[in-house]
Amino acid sequence: MTTYYKHHVFFCCNQREAPDTCCNNHGASALQTYAKEQIKALGLSGAGQIRINKAGCLGRCDDGPVLVVYPEGTWYTFIDKEDIDEIIREHLQHGRIVERLKR
């Protein structure tokens, strides 16, 4: 079976009321936007390539912020643009899991 996207990436962008922990309190929405822009700039978006999406709660806010890459089902945490760049370069472009960010 062929999937529509080679990689489909979901960023948890859930927002909870304080004092509950949530991914969006750690900049998830801004970094999701950054990832989407980077994928487009690299010419990697569209059918057969990579799709970056926002998601509601993915149930792992205590590990957050988190994203998951399908079809592999690989979960990552991230802190900044450099982490997102590494996930894009290593996993999405070259198929290598970024072990230091894996959750």
Protein backbone atom coordinates (compact mmCIF):
# COMPACT_ATOMS: atom_id res chain seq x y z
CA MET A 1 0.00 0.00 0.00
CA THR A 2 1.33 3.42 -0.95
CA THR A 3 0.68 6.35 1.37
CA TYR A 4 -0.23 9.79 0.06
CA TYR A 5 2.72 11.38 1.89
CA LYS A 6 6.15 9.86 2.38
CA HIS A 7 6.14 11.42 5.87
CA HIS A 8 3.20 12.95 7.73
CA VAL A 9 4.27 14.95 10.79
CA PHE A 10 1.86 15.93 13.56
CA PHE A 11 2.83 18.56 16.14
CA CYS A 12 0.84 18.53 19.37
CA CYS A 13 -0.37 22.13 19.67
CA ASN A 14 -2.80 21.52 22.50
CA GLN A 15 -3.47 24.40 24.89
CA ARG A 16 -4.56 23.62 28.46
CA GLU A 17 -5.49 25.91 31.29
CA ALA A 18 -2.76 26.67 33.84
CA PRO A 19 -1.34 24.97 35.82
CA ASP A 20 -1.72 21.91 33.55
CA THR A 21 1.22 21.08 31.29
CA CYS A 22 0.72 21.33 27.54
CA CYS A 23 2.86 21.37 24.43
CA ASN A 24 1.71 24.79 23.30
CA ASN A 25 3.17 26.38 26.45
CA HIS A 26 6.56 25.29 25.10
CA GLY A 27 6.26 26.97 21.70
CA ALA A 28 4.80 24.05 19.74
CA SER A 29 2.63 26.18 17.43
CA ALA A 30 5.47 28.51 16.49
CA LEU A 31 7.82 25.60 15.82
CA GLN A 32 5.14 23.79 13.78
CA THR A 33 4.84 26.90 11.61
CA TYR A 34 8.63 27.04 11.31
CA ALA A 35 8.80 23.35 10.26
CA LYS A 36 6.08 23.86 7.65
CA GLU A 37 7.93 26.88 6.21
CA GLN A 38 11.22 24.96 6.11
CA ILE A 39 9.67 21.99 4.31
CA LYS A 40 8.15 24.33 1.71
CA ALA A 41 11.44 26.25 1.31
CA LEU A 42 13.26 22.96 0.70
CA GLY A 43 10.72 21.95 -1.96
CA LEU A 44 9.66 18.92 0.07
CA SER A 45 5.94 19.61 0.53
CA GLY A 46 3.06 18.05 -1.37
CA ALA A 47 1.83 14.68 -2.54
CA GLY A 48 4.41 11.93 -2.23
CA GLN A 49 6.61 14.09 -0.01
CA ILE A 50 6.14 15.63 3.45
CA ARG A 51 3.13 17.14 5.19
CA ILE A 52 3.41 19.12 8.46
CA ASN A 53 0.19 19.40 10.50
CA LYS A 54 -1.03 20.77 13.82
CA ALA A 55 -2.82 18.32 16.07
CA GLY A 56 -4.85 18.61 19.22
CA CYS A 57 -3.79 16.67 22.26
CA LEU A 58 -1.70 13.63 21.38
CA GLY A 59 -1.79 12.39 24.98
CA ARG A 60 1.89 12.91 25.77
CA CYS A 61 2.03 16.46 27.12
CA ASP A 62 4.23 15.36 30.03
CA ASP A 63 6.91 14.50 27.43
CA GLY A 64 6.29 17.73 25.54
CA PRO A 65 6.50 19.42 23.40
CA VAL A 66 6.09 16.43 21.10
CA LEU A 67 5.62 15.58 17.45
CA VAL A 68 5.10 12.25 15.73
CA VAL A 69 6.28 11.19 12.27
CA TYR A 70 4.18 8.71 10.29
CA PRO A 71 4.17 6.15 8.80
CA GLU A 72 7.01 5.16 11.12
CA GLY A 73 5.25 6.28 14.31
CA THR A 74 8.43 7.88 15.63
CA TRP A 75 7.90 10.32 18.52
CA TYR A 76 10.19 13.27 19.16
CA THR A 77 10.50 16.07 21.65
CA PHE A 78 12.08 19.39 20.68
CA ILE A 79 13.17 22.68 22.21
CA ASP A 80 14.10 25.04 19.39
CA LYS A 81 14.55 25.59 15.65
CA GLU A 82 17.85 23.71 15.70
CA ASP A 83 16.05 20.57 16.93
CA ILE A 84 13.43 20.95 14.19
CA ASP A 85 16.16 21.44 11.57
CA GLU A 86 17.87 18.26 12.78
CA ILE A 87 14.63 16.24 12.58
CA ILE A 88 14.00 17.57 9.07
CA ARG A 89 17.55 16.91 7.88
CA GLU A 90 18.16 13.55 9.51
CA HIS A 91 14.76 11.83 9.64
CA LEU A 92 12.64 13.43 6.96
CA GLN A 93 15.35 13.88 4.34
CA HIS A 94 17.73 11.00 5.09
CA GLY A 95 15.62 8.45 6.99
CA ARG A 96 17.83 8.44 10.09
CA ILE A 97 16.15 8.50 13.52
CA VAL A 98 17.38 11.35 15.74
CA GLU A 99 17.99 9.24 18.85
CA ARG A 100 18.74 12.15 21.19
CA LEU A 101 15.26 13.63 20.57
CA LYS A 102 13.31 10.38 20.36
CA ARG A 103 10.61 9.79 23.01
